Amino acid sequence: MWFKNLQVYRLPANWDMSAERLEEQLAKKPFHPCGSQDMESRGWLSPLGNEVLVHAVGGQWLVCLGFEHRLLPSAVVKQEADERAEELAEQQGYKLGRKQLKELREQVTQELMPRAFTRRRRMFAWIDPINGWLVVDAASQSKAEDMLEQLRHTLDSFPLTLLRTERSPMSAMADWLAGGEAPDGFTIDQDCELRSVAEDKAAVRYARHPLEGDDIKGHLEAGKLPTRLALTFDDRISFVLTEKLEIKRLDFLDIVRDQVGEADKDDAEALFNAEFALMTGELAHLLPAVVAALGGELAGAAVETGVSAELPRVQKEMAAARPVSAQTVAADDPPF
């Protein structure tokens, strides 16, 4: 049980939900497989595979949202519908009209749907009611929205705030790179992406490359801003920080993982609990440290993210603005 990505939100200040009450609410909307005419189904699953929907360890909660989606490509429907349309056209002596074709495609979809394969996936969220965090293990905010939408649907009202900080991640990362030094407790690793804010969106990506060279400073002086930067916290957790304050490619280093005792590995539930306790304990230190490195939490701010949304804020924070270069990404740049 180790999260790979973190989308971080703040729970409402007056949120007084208990694990027992949350369990009751989630139980009203459990996961069920797709019906014969359903393209998708979603609902709550037990994180551990038993009957408990809110898995609690040491005051920390874990919930799991299950999805099932039917694999019925539109090209398959179109091909079958076109073949039937040709047969009908020969029988009646003229081509089908637009309305007939639409009805035929709908009929084909209904016939093929029950026979279509399905794909299942799960999404986890960690709830820290003590410190007021809700963290979704999702690669993007748009994907995490599936979890938040289901929570709102289940709890009727669930006002969350996307974590925002006094300093934008872009301007802070630019300062760290320009100065060649990360904030206390952090070290700069060897992956980075710098992107132009001009219309061409030119970008330079570094992978497994030292980031203290003059070329990095040259890109910064030319007006490019960091949108991703690999960091390590306290020699225990490596990750990539993005301009949207997302934490990606989360990797708990051996010094953390080795704390899981050998005895726990013979018991799946004990191992799950040990890993979850270790993970949440480490993240309880990481999240405040990231917030502090970015100047503290920004209260009452609008929830708007992305390069375009952050740019005016970054421009205010940067000491000086330079013309933006039109350099493009080299064709042989390694993928980030």
Protein backbone atom coordinates (compact mmCIF):
# COMPACT_ATOMS: atom_id res chain seq x y z
CA MET A 1 0.00 0.00 0.00
CA TRP A 2 2.17 2.81 -1.33
CA PHE A 3 0.66 5.79 -3.16
CA LYS A 4 2.33 6.81 -6.44
CA ASN A 5 0.83 10.28 -6.91
CA LEU A 6 -0.71 12.83 -4.57
CA GLN A 7 -3.54 15.24 -5.32
CA VAL A 8 -3.85 17.17 -2.07
CA TYR A 9 -7.00 18.78 -0.66
CA ARG A 10 -8.06 20.38 2.59
CA LEU A 11 -11.02 19.03 4.56
CA PRO A 12 -13.58 21.58 5.80
CA ALA A 13 -12.49 23.16 9.08
CA ASN A 14 -15.66 22.04 10.85
CA TRP A 15 -15.75 18.52 9.36
CA ASP A 16 -16.78 16.25 12.22
CA MET A 17 -17.29 12.96 10.38
CA SER A 18 -16.39 9.77 12.24
CA ALA A 19 -15.11 6.60 10.60
CA GLU A 20 -18.31 4.81 11.65
CA ARG A 21 -20.58 7.45 10.10
CA LEU A 22 -18.53 7.52 6.92
CA GLU A 23 -18.76 3.73 6.73
CA GLU A 24 -22.57 3.95 6.94
CA GLN A 25 -22.69 6.53 4.14
CA LEU A 26 -20.37 4.64 1.80
CA ALA A 27 -22.32 1.43 2.37
CA LYS A 28 -25.33 3.09 0.70
CA LYS A 29 -23.48 3.28 -2.61
CA PRO A 30 -21.37 0.12 -2.92
CA PHE A 31 -19.74 -1.01 -6.12
CA HIS A 32 -21.78 -3.23 -8.45
CA PRO A 33 -20.62 -4.66 -11.79
CA CYS A 34 -22.03 -3.13 -14.96
CA GLY A 35 -25.54 -4.16 -15.87
CA SER A 36 -26.18 -5.51 -19.36
CA GLN A 37 -26.93 -2.00 -20.68
CA ASP A 38 -24.46 -0.03 -18.55
CA MET A 39 -21.30 1.37 -20.11
CA GLU A 40 -19.81 2.19 -16.72
CA SER A 41 -20.38 1.47 -13.06
CA ARG A 42 -18.72 2.90 -9.97
CA GLY A 43 -19.10 2.51 -6.23
CA TRP A 44 -17.26 1.95 -2.97
CA LEU A 45 -15.08 -1.10 -2.36
CA SER A 46 -13.26 -2.40 0.69
CA PRO A 47 -9.61 -1.28 0.47
CA LEU A 48 -8.52 -4.59 1.99
CA GLY A 49 -10.98 -6.83 0.18
CA ASN A 50 -13.15 -7.57 3.20
CA GLU A 51 -16.46 -5.96 4.16
CA VAL A 52 -15.01 -2.79 5.74
CA LEU A 53 -15.27 0.25 3.46
CA VAL A 54 -13.34 2.67 5.70
CA HIS A 55 -10.05 1.06 6.61
CA ALA A 56 -8.73 2.82 9.73
CA VAL A 57 -5.20 2.48 11.10
CA GLY A 58 -3.91 4.76 13.84
CA GLY A 59 -6.55 7.40 13.25
CA GLN A 60 -5.87 7.48 9.48
CA TRP A 61 -8.55 6.34 7.02
CA LEU A 62 -8.35 4.74 3.60
CA VAL A 63 -11.25 4.50 1.16
CA CYS A 64 -11.40 2.86 -2.25
CA LEU A 65 -13.56 3.70 -5.26
CA GLY A 66 -14.12 0.91 -7.79
CA PHE A 67 -14.82 1.40 -11.50
CA GLU A 68 -15.94 -0.97 -14.23
CA HIS A 69 -16.05 0.16 -17.85
CA ARG A 70 -17.28 -1.72 -20.91
CA LEU A 71 -14.83 -1.85 -23.81
CA LEU A 72 -17.01 -1.15 -26.83
CA PRO A 73 -15.04 0.95 -29.33
CA SER A 74 -17.10 3.26 -31.51
CA ALA A 75 -15.27 1.86 -34.56
CA VAL A 76 -16.70 -1.60 -33.81
CA VAL A 77 -20.23 -0.21 -33.54
CA LYS A 78 -19.79 1.78 -36.75
CA GLN A 79 -18.48 -1.21 -38.69
CA GLU A 80 -21.38 -3.44 -37.63
CA ALA A 81 -23.93 -0.69 -38.26
CA ASP A 82 -22.48 0.07 -41.72
CA GLU A 83 -22.69 -3.61 -42.72
CA ARG A 84 -26.31 -3.81 -41.63
CA ALA A 85 -27.08 -0.51 -43.37
CA GLU A 86 -25.78 -1.90 -46.66
CA GLU A 87 -27.95 -5.01 -46.32
CA LEU A 88 -31.03 -2.92 -45.55
CA ALA A 89 -30.29 -0.58 -48.45
CA GLU A 90 -30.20 -3.54 -50.86
CA GLN A 91 -33.46 -4.90 -49.47
CA GLN A 92 -35.40 -1.64 -49.66
CA GLY A 93 -33.73 -0.27 -52.78
CA TYR A 94 -32.42 3.00 -51.34
CA LYS A 95 -29.90 4.16 -48.74
CA LEU A 96 -30.92 4.73 -45.15
CA GLY A 97 -31.56 8.28 -44.06
CA ARG A 98 -29.72 10.04 -41.26
CA LYS A 99 -32.43 9.23 -38.71
CA GLN A 100 -32.48 5.55 -39.69
CA LEU A 101 -28.68 5.33 -39.42
CA LYS A 102 -28.76 6.86 -35.95
CA GLU A 103 -31.44 4.42 -34.80
CA LEU A 104 -29.48 1.53 -36.31
CA ARG A 105 -26.29 2.51 -34.44
CA GLU A 106 -28.24 2.73 -31.19
CA GLN A 107 -29.71 -0.71 -31.82
CA VAL A 108 -26.26 -2.18 -32.56
CA THR A 109 -24.84 -0.59 -29.41
CA GLN A 110 -27.58 -2.14 -27.26
CA GLU A 111 -27.03 -5.56 -28.85
CA LEU A 112 -23.23 -5.53 -28.52
CA MET A 113 -23.01 -4.01 -25.05
CA PRO A 114 -23.87 -7.14 -23.01
CA ARG A 115 -21.16 -9.07 -24.91
CA ALA A 116 -18.46 -6.42 -24.54
CA PHE A 117 -15.49 -7.08 -22.29
CA THR A 118 -15.16 -5.01 -19.12
CA ARG A 119 -12.16 -3.45 -17.42
CA ARG A 120 -11.96 -2.72 -13.71
CA ARG A 121 -9.79 -0.31 -11.79
CA ARG A 122 -9.55 1.11 -8.30
CA MET A 123 -8.71 4.53 -6.90
CA PHE A 124 -7.64 5.15 -3.31
CA ALA A 125 -7.97 8.20 -1.08
CA TRP A 126 -6.31 8.79 2.27
CA ILE A 127 -8.26 10.84 4.77
CA ASP A 128 -6.38 12.39 7.70
CA PRO A 129 -9.11 13.76 10.00
CA ILE A 130 -6.50 14.82 12.57
CA ASN A 131 -4.58 17.21 10.31
CA GLY A 132 -7.37 17.92 7.84
CA TRP A 133 -5.95 16.34 4.69
CA LEU A 134 -7.66 14.41 1.93
CA VAL A 135 -5.16 12.96 -0.55
CA VAL A 136 -6.12 11.09 -3.72
CA ASP A 137 -3.70 8.69 -5.40
CA ALA A 138 -4.30 9.95 -8.94
CA ALA A 139 -2.01 11.16 -11.71
CA SER A 140 -3.97 14.38 -12.33
CA GLN A 141 -6.54 16.63 -10.74
CA SER A 142 -9.04 15.70 -13.44
CA LYS A 143 -8.70 12.01 -12.57
CA ALA A 144 -8.96 12.78 -8.85
CA GLU A 145 -12.22 14.57 -9.56
CA ASP A 146 -13.86 11.15 -10.07
CA MET A 147 -13.18 10.41 -6.40
CA LEU A 148 -14.32 13.84 -5.21
CA GLU A 149 -17.49 13.69 -7.30
CA GLN A 150 -18.39 10.30 -5.83
CA LEU A 151 -17.72 11.56 -2.29
CA ARG A 152 -19.99 14.56 -2.88
CA HIS A 153 -22.64 12.29 -4.35
CA THR A 154 -22.37 9.95 -1.37
CA LEU A 155 -22.20 12.56 1.39
CA ASP A 156 -24.60 15.07 -0.24
CA SER A 157 -22.25 17.93 0.65
CA PHE A 158 -18.50 17.70 0.85
CA PRO A 159 -16.82 21.10 0.35
CA LEU A 160 -13.11 20.52 -0.26
CA THR A 161 -10.41 23.07 -0.99
CA LEU A 162 -7.51 22.36 -3.29
CA LEU A 163 -4.27 23.03 -1.43
CA ARG A 164 -2.77 26.44 -2.31
CA THR A 165 0.38 28.07 -0.99
CA GLU A 166 1.64 31.63 -0.59
CA ARG A 167 4.31 31.08 -3.23
CA SER A 168 3.51 29.45 -6.53
CA PRO A 169 5.46 26.24 -7.11
CA MET A 170 6.82 27.65 -10.38
CA SER A 171 8.47 30.71 -8.88
CA ALA A 172 9.78 28.74 -5.89
CA MET A 173 11.26 26.03 -8.12
CA ALA A 174 12.82 28.73 -10.32
CA ASP A 175 14.52 30.26 -7.27
CA TRP A 176 15.78 26.87 -6.11
CA LEU A 177 17.26 26.11 -9.52
CA ALA A 178 18.76 29.58 -9.95
CA GLY A 179 20.38 29.40 -6.54
CA GLY A 180 21.37 25.77 -6.88
CA GLU A 181 19.92 24.98 -3.49
CA ALA A 182 16.67 23.43 -2.27
CA PRO A 183 14.89 24.51 0.93
CA ASP A 184 15.78 22.93 4.26
CA GLY A 185 15.14 19.20 4.34
CA PHE A 186 15.05 18.84 0.54
CA THR A 187 17.59 18.07 -2.14
CA ILE A 188 17.29 18.73 -5.87
CA ASP A 189 17.50 15.56 -7.97
CA GLN A 190 18.20 15.20 -11.70
CA ASP A 191 14.84 15.53 -13.48
CA CYS A 192 13.31 18.82 -14.51
CA GLU A 193 11.04 20.42 -17.10
CA LEU A 194 11.28 24.08 -18.08
CA ARG A 195 8.53 25.53 -20.24
CA SER A 196 8.06 28.81 -22.04
CA VAL A 197 4.97 30.87 -21.26
CA ALA A 198 4.86 32.17 -24.83
CA GLU A 199 2.38 30.86 -27.35
CA ASP A 200 4.83 28.29 -28.72
CA LYS A 201 5.00 26.57 -25.28
CA ALA A 202 8.61 25.59 -26.03
CA ALA A 203 9.98 23.21 -23.41
CA VAL A 204 13.26 21.71 -22.30
CA ARG A 205 13.32 18.46 -20.35
CA TYR A 206 16.17 17.02 -18.33
CA ALA A 207 16.24 13.41 -17.19
CA ARG A 208 19.01 11.95 -15.04
CA HIS A 209 21.03 15.10 -15.67
CA PRO A 210 22.75 17.43 -13.18
CA LEU A 211 20.70 20.62 -12.77
CA GLU A 212 23.34 23.00 -11.47
CA GLY A 213 24.84 23.92 -14.87
CA ASP A 214 24.82 27.27 -16.64
CA ASP A 215 22.42 25.93 -19.27
CA ILE A 216 19.67 25.70 -16.65
CA LYS A 217 20.28 29.28 -15.55
CA GLY A 218 20.31 30.35 -19.18
CA HIS A 219 16.86 28.90 -19.75
CA LEU A 220 15.58 30.61 -16.60
CA GLU A 221 17.06 33.95 -17.68
CA ALA A 222 15.43 33.49 -21.09
CA GLY A 223 12.04 33.35 -19.41
CA LYS A 224 11.33 29.65 -19.14
CA LEU A 225 9.72 28.49 -15.91
CA PRO A 226 9.99 25.10 -14.20
CA THR A 227 6.83 23.04 -14.42
CA ARG A 228 8.33 19.88 -12.88
CA LEU A 229 11.24 19.33 -10.55
CA ALA A 230 12.46 16.11 -8.95
CA LEU A 231 13.21 16.40 -5.23
CA THR A 232 14.06 14.19 -2.28
CA PHE A 233 12.81 14.92 1.23
CA ASP A 234 14.87 14.01 4.28
CA ASP A 235 16.63 11.23 2.33
CA ARG A 236 13.41 9.22 2.73
CA ILE A 237 10.98 10.16 -0.07
CA SER A 238 11.70 11.08 -3.69
CA PHE A 239 9.07 12.75 -5.85
CA VAL A 240 8.37 15.21 -8.64
CA LEU A 241 6.75 18.54 -7.76
CA THR A 242 4.64 20.14 -10.51
CA GLU A 243 3.48 23.68 -11.18
CA LYS A 244 -0.02 22.62 -10.06
CA LEU A 245 1.29 21.57 -6.63
CA GLU A 246 0.88 17.92 -7.57
CA ILE A 247 3.27 15.36 -6.16
CA LYS A 248 4.07 12.71 -8.75
CA ARG A 249 6.35 9.67 -9.10
CA LEU A 250 6.30 9.25 -5.34
CA ASP A 251 8.96 6.79 -4.20
CA PHE A 252 9.47 5.77 -0.58
CA LEU A 253 13.15 4.90 -0.30
CA ASP A 254 14.56 1.73 1.21
CA ILE A 255 15.18 3.39 4.57
CA VAL A 256 11.37 3.68 4.87
CA ARG A 257 10.31 0.42 3.24
CA ASP A 258 12.78 -1.60 5.30
CA GLN A 259 10.86 -0.65 8.43
CA VAL A 260 8.19 -3.17 7.45
CA GLY A 261 9.13 -6.16 9.59
CA GLU A 262 9.78 -9.56 8.12
CA ALA A 263 7.04 -11.07 10.29
CA ASP A 264 4.43 -8.83 8.66
CA LYS A 265 5.15 -10.26 5.20
CA ASP A 266 3.52 -13.56 6.14
CA ASP A 267 0.22 -11.85 6.96
CA ALA A 268 -1.40 -9.87 4.12
CA GLU A 269 -3.53 -7.71 6.42
CA ALA A 270 -0.66 -7.01 8.81
CA LEU A 271 1.58 -6.08 5.88
CA PHE A 272 -1.11 -3.81 4.42
CA ASN A 273 -1.59 -2.07 7.78
CA ALA A 274 2.15 -1.69 8.36
CA GLU A 275 2.70 -0.14 4.94
CA PHE A 276 -0.30 2.16 5.30
CA ALA A 277 0.86 3.32 8.74
CA LEU A 278 4.39 3.94 7.45
CA MET A 279 3.16 5.76 4.36
CA THR A 280 0.79 8.07 6.20
CA GLY A 281 3.38 8.73 8.88
CA GLU A 282 5.93 9.79 6.28
CA LEU A 283 3.42 11.89 4.34
CA ALA A 284 2.36 13.60 7.56
CA HIS A 285 5.91 15.03 7.63
CA LEU A 286 6.26 15.61 3.89
CA LEU A 287 3.10 17.64 3.26
CA PRO A 288 3.74 20.34 5.91
CA ALA A 289 7.36 20.55 4.74
CA VAL A 290 6.28 21.16 1.13
CA VAL A 291 3.79 23.79 2.29
CA ALA A 292 6.47 25.51 4.40
CA ALA A 293 8.93 25.47 1.49
CA LEU A 294 6.31 27.29 -0.58
CA GLY A 295 5.76 30.02 1.99
CA GLY A 296 2.90 28.51 3.95
CA GLU A 297 -0.72 27.86 3.14
CA LEU A 298 -2.77 30.40 1.24
CA ALA A 299 -6.17 30.75 2.88
CA GLY A 300 -9.35 31.67 1.04
CA ALA A 301 -7.86 31.50 -2.45
CA ALA A 302 -9.76 30.52 -5.58
CA VAL A 303 -9.16 26.96 -6.70
CA GLU A 304 -7.56 27.57 -10.09
CA THR A 305 -4.50 25.73 -11.30
CA GLY A 306 -2.27 25.33 -14.30
CA VAL A 307 0.44 27.35 -16.03
CA SER A 308 -1.91 29.99 -17.43
CA ALA A 309 -3.61 30.46 -14.06
CA GLU A 310 -0.33 30.68 -12.16
CA LEU A 311 1.49 32.99 -14.58
CA PRO A 312 0.24 36.36 -13.23
CA ARG A 313 1.05 35.19 -9.74
CA VAL A 314 4.51 34.02 -10.78
CA GLN A 315 5.26 37.31 -12.53
CA LYS A 316 4.53 39.19 -9.33
CA GLU A 317 6.79 36.91 -7.35
CA MET A 318 9.76 36.82 -9.70
CA ALA A 319 12.24 39.59 -9.06
CA ALA A 320 12.68 40.40 -12.74
CA ALA A 321 11.05 39.45 -16.03
CA ARG A 322 13.15 38.54 -19.09
CA PRO A 323 12.12 38.08 -22.74
CA VAL A 324 10.97 34.59 -23.49
CA SER A 325 13.03 32.56 -25.97
CA ALA A 326 11.42 30.62 -28.77
CA GLN A 327 13.60 27.55 -28.29
CA THR A 328 11.82 24.31 -29.01
CA VAL A 329 12.26 20.87 -27.57
CA ALA A 330 15.02 18.84 -29.19
CA ALA A 331 13.75 15.76 -30.96
CA ASP A 332 16.05 13.53 -28.96
CA ASP A 333 15.09 14.94 -25.55
CA PRO A 334 14.41 12.05 -23.17
CA PRO A 335 10.78 11.68 -22.02
CA PHE A 336 10.10 13.07 -18.57
